[in-house]
Amino acid sequence: MMLVFGSSGQVATELRERLPDAVFLGREEADLSVHTNIGGIIEEIGPAAIINAAAYTAVDKAEEEEALALKLNAQAPAEMAKAAARLSIPLVHISTDYVFDGSGETAFAPDAGTAPLGAYGRTKLKGEQAIVAAAPVYAILRTSWVFSAHGANFLKTMLRLSETRDHLTIVADQIGGPTPASAIAEACVKIARSLAADPSKAGTYHFSGVPEVSWADFAREIFRQAGRSVAVEDIPTSAYPTPAKRPLNSRLDCRSLAAFELNRPDWKDGVADTLAKLGVTS
């Protein structure tokens, strides 16, 4: 039996469909801002593996709430890792491309130097470091640009804006791999089971969709598949200032996924699947 932290988020919702017998702990069952009780909760449940799909993900708001983000993204995962070590079970933890500074145009390998640009990335990196220090059997799965039919994400925002707008200006100099939450969920399950059988596979991995694309071109494909007549005008990041600085290069080198016989998902197929779930037809 697996234990999943997170209940209503994008990946957690997809995990529910794939792990009907798992225990899911949302905020009501396990308040990760009160991280001192997490280890006891885990030991009382006694799972065979832990998947952490919970996090503070409000990138801009984290600039003002870094202390809270630190509790959810670093201190809580640290307690999960300590409990996993005591129980000798694997921990799969979802992280982010925001641990990198986004420089250059080369895909970041799992062992590339980290240099987060903002509070969200800093707290996620501290969570990674705590897990590496405490849990002997873990997989940190860095991903990017997550989308699904659930929660708030770029795809759903584009659909909402297309209801009232026929022209949008969208950033075109940030490049990354949009990743379906469904594919992340499937990867987490496969990795957790694989680590239970072969703990030597513990480590940090990257998982994102292909092909790499700009936000502007991602939007164009969403509108094309949805049959929405919206003109997309490319703009630079400098023309769309936000409280938190975004990495320009979110390309992730995912070749190490071969250890789990995992392939990168085609995000265009993911868009089609998501639109179908939302009942959007062209």
Protein backbone atom coordinates (compact mmCIF):
# COMPACT_ATOMS: atom_id res chain seq x y z
CA MET A 1 0.00 0.00 0.00
CA MET A 2 1.32 3.42 -0.96
CA LEU A 3 0.94 6.68 0.91
CA VAL A 4 0.45 9.84 -1.14
CA PHE A 5 0.85 13.32 0.28
CA GLY A 6 -1.49 15.57 -1.66
CA SER A 7 -5.14 15.08 -2.41
CA SER A 8 -6.59 17.56 -4.87
CA GLY A 9 -3.60 18.81 -6.85
CA GLN A 10 -2.97 17.97 -10.48
CA VAL A 11 -0.66 14.99 -9.94
CA ALA A 12 -2.45 13.76 -6.80
CA THR A 13 -5.76 13.69 -8.68
CA GLU A 14 -4.17 11.60 -11.43
CA LEU A 15 -2.61 9.31 -8.82
CA ARG A 16 -6.06 8.63 -7.36
CA GLU A 17 -7.08 7.08 -10.66
CA ARG A 18 -4.03 4.82 -10.68
CA LEU A 19 -3.78 3.90 -7.00
CA PRO A 20 -7.30 3.12 -5.77
CA ASP A 21 -5.94 1.34 -2.69
CA ALA A 22 -3.48 4.04 -1.66
CA VAL A 23 -3.89 6.36 1.33
CA PHE A 24 -4.13 10.01 0.28
CA LEU A 25 -3.44 12.73 2.81
CA GLY A 26 -4.60 16.25 2.01
CA ARG A 27 -4.33 19.35 4.15
CA GLU A 28 -7.13 18.25 6.45
CA GLU A 29 -5.49 14.90 7.22
CA ALA A 30 -1.88 16.15 7.31
CA ASP A 31 -1.14 19.87 7.56
CA LEU A 32 2.37 20.07 6.10
CA SER A 33 2.86 23.53 7.59
CA VAL A 34 2.97 21.70 10.94
CA HIS A 35 5.75 19.39 9.83
CA THR A 36 6.63 17.97 13.24
CA ASN A 37 3.76 15.44 13.17
CA ILE A 38 4.45 14.00 9.73
CA GLY A 39 6.79 11.23 10.80
CA GLY A 40 4.32 9.87 13.31
CA ILE A 41 1.52 9.87 10.74
CA ILE A 42 3.67 7.93 8.29
CA GLU A 43 4.76 5.35 10.87
CA GLU A 44 1.19 4.84 12.04
CA ILE A 45 0.05 4.10 8.47
CA GLY A 46 3.07 1.92 7.68
CA PRO A 47 3.08 2.20 3.88
CA ALA A 48 5.24 0.28 1.43
CA ALA A 49 6.25 3.52 -0.30
CA ILE A 50 5.63 7.27 -0.14
CA ILE A 51 4.86 9.61 -3.03
CA ASN A 52 5.01 13.31 -2.19
CA ALA A 53 2.73 15.16 -4.60
CA ALA A 54 2.11 18.06 -2.20
CA ALA A 55 3.89 21.39 -2.40
CA TYR A 56 3.61 25.15 -2.16
CA THR A 57 3.47 26.04 -5.88
CA ALA A 58 2.32 29.69 -5.96
CA VAL A 59 5.55 30.91 -7.56
CA ASP A 60 4.88 34.65 -7.30
CA LYS A 61 3.23 34.54 -3.90
CA ALA A 62 6.21 32.62 -2.53
CA GLU A 63 8.24 35.82 -2.81
CA GLU A 64 6.13 37.15 0.07
CA GLU A 65 5.52 33.84 1.85
CA GLU A 66 8.90 32.15 1.68
CA ALA A 67 8.67 30.98 5.29
CA LEU A 68 5.43 29.12 4.56
CA ALA A 69 6.80 27.78 1.27
CA LEU A 70 9.85 26.52 3.16
CA LYS A 71 7.66 24.55 5.56
CA LEU A 72 5.76 22.81 2.76
CA ASN A 73 8.58 22.42 0.24
CA ALA A 74 11.54 21.64 2.49
CA GLN A 75 10.78 20.97 6.14
CA ALA A 76 7.84 18.65 5.50
CA PRO A 77 9.69 16.57 2.86
CA ALA A 78 12.62 16.33 5.31
CA GLU A 79 10.33 14.67 7.85
CA MET A 80 8.96 12.35 5.17
CA ALA A 81 12.50 11.34 4.27
CA LYS A 82 13.44 10.63 7.89
CA ALA A 83 10.35 8.46 8.35
CA ALA A 84 11.03 6.64 5.07
CA ALA A 85 14.54 5.90 6.30
CA ARG A 86 13.26 4.53 9.61
CA LEU A 87 10.79 2.27 7.80
CA SER A 88 13.25 1.35 5.03
CA ILE A 89 10.77 2.31 2.30
CA PRO A 90 11.22 4.39 -0.88
CA LEU A 91 10.21 8.04 -1.16
CA VAL A 92 9.33 9.59 -4.53
CA HIS A 93 9.35 13.38 -4.40
CA ILE A 94 8.23 15.73 -7.18
CA SER A 95 10.45 18.74 -7.73
CA THR A 96 10.89 21.40 -10.38
CA ASP A 97 13.02 22.99 -13.09
CA TYR A 98 12.98 26.16 -10.95
CA VAL A 99 15.99 24.85 -9.02
CA PHE A 100 18.04 26.00 -12.06
CA ASP A 101 18.78 29.54 -13.18
CA GLY A 102 17.60 28.94 -16.75
CA SER A 103 20.83 30.09 -18.36
CA GLY A 104 22.00 28.92 -21.76
CA GLU A 105 20.13 26.73 -24.22
CA THR A 106 21.39 23.29 -23.22
CA ALA A 107 19.10 20.88 -21.38
CA PHE A 108 19.94 20.66 -17.67
CA ALA A 109 21.17 17.23 -16.55
CA PRO A 110 20.17 15.93 -13.09
CA ASP A 111 23.70 16.64 -11.78
CA ALA A 112 23.91 20.16 -13.23
CA GLY A 113 24.66 22.98 -10.84
CA THR A 114 21.60 24.50 -9.20
CA ALA A 115 20.99 28.24 -8.79
CA PRO A 116 17.32 29.07 -8.20
CA LEU A 117 16.15 32.55 -9.13
CA GLY A 118 13.43 32.97 -6.51
CA ALA A 119 11.84 31.81 -3.28
CA TYR A 120 9.90 28.92 -4.82
CA GLY A 121 13.02 27.43 -6.39
CA ARG A 122 15.06 27.99 -3.23
CA THR A 123 12.56 26.16 -1.04
CA LYS A 124 12.22 23.28 -3.50
CA LEU A 125 15.99 22.92 -3.66
CA LYS A 126 16.24 22.83 0.14
CA GLY A 127 13.64 20.07 0.11
CA GLU A 128 15.73 18.08 -2.37
CA GLN A 129 18.84 18.52 -0.23
CA ALA A 130 17.02 17.39 2.91
CA ILE A 131 15.78 14.24 1.17
CA VAL A 132 19.23 13.35 -0.14
CA ALA A 133 20.65 13.79 3.36
CA ALA A 134 18.00 11.71 5.14
CA ALA A 135 16.51 9.06 2.86
CA PRO A 136 18.72 6.27 1.51
CA VAL A 137 16.07 5.12 -1.00
CA TYR A 138 14.55 8.07 -2.83
CA ALA A 139 13.78 9.46 -6.25
CA ILE A 140 13.61 13.20 -6.76
CA LEU A 141 11.65 13.74 -9.97
CA ARG A 142 12.12 17.21 -11.40
CA THR A 143 9.47 18.19 -13.91
CA SER A 144 8.17 21.31 -15.65
CA TRP A 145 5.13 23.14 -17.01
CA VAL A 146 2.55 20.72 -15.58
CA PHE A 147 -0.94 20.70 -17.09
CA SER A 148 -4.11 18.64 -16.76
CA ALA A 149 -7.89 18.88 -16.62
CA HIS A 150 -7.61 19.56 -12.88
CA GLY A 151 -6.73 22.64 -10.86
CA ALA A 152 -5.15 25.79 -12.25
CA ASN A 153 -2.65 25.55 -15.08
CA PHE A 154 -1.61 27.22 -18.33
CA LEU A 155 -3.83 25.14 -20.60
CA LYS A 156 -6.98 25.90 -18.61
CA THR A 157 -6.03 29.57 -18.39
CA MET A 158 -5.69 29.74 -22.18
CA LEU A 159 -9.09 28.13 -22.65
CA ARG A 160 -10.67 30.59 -20.22
CA LEU A 161 -9.10 33.60 -21.92
CA SER A 162 -10.14 32.35 -25.34
CA GLU A 163 -13.78 32.67 -24.30
CA THR A 164 -13.52 36.47 -24.34
CA ARG A 165 -10.32 37.29 -26.24
CA ASP A 166 -9.27 36.86 -29.87
CA HIS A 167 -5.72 38.22 -29.38
CA LEU A 168 -3.20 37.42 -26.65
CA THR A 169 0.40 38.46 -26.01
CA ILE A 170 2.38 35.52 -24.64
CA VAL A 171 6.01 35.08 -23.64
CA ALA A 172 8.08 33.45 -26.36
CA ASP A 173 11.63 33.44 -24.94
CA GLN A 174 11.02 30.92 -22.15
CA ILE A 175 11.54 27.39 -23.48
CA GLY A 176 10.56 24.15 -21.77
CA GLY A 177 8.76 20.85 -21.97
CA PRO A 178 5.06 20.92 -21.05
CA THR A 179 4.27 17.81 -19.04
CA PRO A 180 0.89 16.10 -18.58
CA ALA A 181 0.12 15.44 -14.92
CA SER A 182 -1.14 12.01 -15.95
CA ALA A 183 2.31 11.08 -17.25
CA ILE A 184 3.96 12.32 -14.06
CA ALA A 185 1.59 10.21 -11.97
CA GLU A 186 2.35 7.10 -14.02
CA ALA A 187 6.08 7.78 -13.70
CA CYS A 188 5.83 8.20 -9.92
CA VAL A 189 4.04 4.87 -9.51
CA LYS A 190 6.50 3.02 -11.73
CA ILE A 191 9.51 4.59 -10.00
CA ALA A 192 8.17 3.82 -6.50
CA ARG A 193 7.65 0.17 -7.39
CA SER A 194 11.02 -0.05 -9.11
CA LEU A 195 12.84 1.44 -6.12
CA ALA A 196 11.17 -1.06 -3.79
CA ALA A 197 12.59 -3.85 -5.93
CA ASP A 198 15.96 -2.23 -6.61
CA PRO A 199 17.03 0.47 -4.12
CA SER A 200 20.26 1.03 -6.08
CA LYS A 201 18.25 3.16 -8.52
CA ALA A 202 17.88 5.90 -5.92
CA GLY A 203 18.76 9.36 -7.18
CA THR A 204 17.61 12.51 -8.92
CA TYR A 205 15.83 12.28 -12.27
CA HIS A 206 14.26 14.60 -14.83
CA PHE A 207 10.90 14.08 -16.50
CA SER A 208 9.30 16.52 -18.95
CA GLY A 209 7.36 16.45 -22.19
CA VAL A 210 8.63 16.69 -25.75
CA PRO A 211 9.23 18.57 -27.92
CA GLU A 212 10.55 21.64 -26.14
CA VAL A 213 8.50 24.72 -26.95
CA SER A 214 7.87 28.32 -25.93
CA TRP A 215 4.83 29.36 -23.93
CA ALA A 216 3.58 31.19 -27.03
CA ASP A 217 3.81 28.10 -29.23
CA PHE A 218 2.31 25.98 -26.47
CA ALA A 219 -0.67 28.33 -26.51
CA ARG A 220 -0.96 28.16 -30.29
CA GLU A 221 -1.20 24.37 -30.16
CA ILE A 222 -3.83 24.52 -27.42
CA PHE A 223 -5.93 26.91 -29.50
CA ARG A 224 -5.42 24.82 -32.66
CA GLN A 225 -6.58 21.63 -31.01
CA ALA A 226 -9.46 23.38 -29.24
CA GLY A 227 -10.62 25.08 -32.42
CA ARG A 228 -10.29 28.54 -30.88
CA SER A 229 -9.57 31.51 -33.16
CA VAL A 230 -7.05 33.39 -31.03
CA ALA A 231 -4.08 35.26 -32.48
CA VAL A 232 -0.95 34.84 -30.38
CA GLU A 233 1.60 37.65 -30.40
CA ASP A 234 5.12 36.78 -29.20
CA ILE A 235 6.58 38.97 -26.47
CA PRO A 236 9.81 38.77 -24.43
CA THR A 237 9.79 38.00 -20.72
CA SER A 238 10.83 41.60 -20.09
CA ALA A 239 7.45 42.75 -21.41
CA TYR A 240 5.56 40.65 -18.84
CA PRO A 241 7.11 41.41 -15.44
CA THR A 242 6.17 39.15 -12.51
CA PRO A 243 7.16 39.22 -8.82
CA ALA A 244 9.21 36.04 -9.28
CA LYS A 245 11.81 35.75 -12.01
CA ARG A 246 11.22 32.82 -14.38
CA PRO A 247 13.98 30.69 -15.93
CA LEU A 248 14.33 31.29 -19.66
CA ASN A 249 15.67 27.80 -20.25
CA SER A 250 13.59 25.03 -18.67
CA ARG A 251 14.91 22.25 -20.90
CA LEU A 252 15.56 19.08 -18.89
CA ASP A 253 17.86 16.24 -19.89
CA CYS A 254 15.72 13.16 -19.24
CA ARG A 255 17.99 10.42 -20.54
CA SER A 256 18.47 8.88 -17.09
CA LEU A 257 14.80 7.83 -17.14
CA ALA A 258 16.00 4.75 -19.03
CA ALA A 259 16.75 3.28 -15.59
CA PHE A 260 12.99 2.92 -15.13
CA GLU A 261 12.16 2.17 -18.78
CA LEU A 262 10.30 5.47 -18.98
CA ASN A 263 9.91 7.58 -22.10
CA ARG A 264 9.21 11.29 -22.26
CA PRO A 265 5.54 12.01 -23.01
CA ASP A 266 4.45 13.86 -26.15
CA TRP A 267 2.74 16.93 -24.72
CA LYS A 268 0.63 17.42 -27.86
CA ASP A 269 -1.01 14.06 -27.16
CA GLY A 270 -1.43 15.22 -23.58
CA VAL A 271 -3.23 18.35 -24.77
CA ALA A 272 -5.61 16.21 -26.82
CA ASP A 273 -6.33 13.94 -23.83
CA THR A 274 -6.85 16.92 -21.52
CA LEU A 275 -9.21 18.68 -23.91
CA ALA A 276 -11.21 15.46 -24.23
CA LYS A 277 -11.51 15.22 -20.44
CA LEU A 278 -12.70 18.82 -20.35
CA GLY A 279 -15.24 18.14 -23.09
CA VAL A 280 -13.62 20.65 -25.44
CA THR A 281 -14.00 19.81 -29.12
CA SER A 282 -12.70 21.71 -32.14
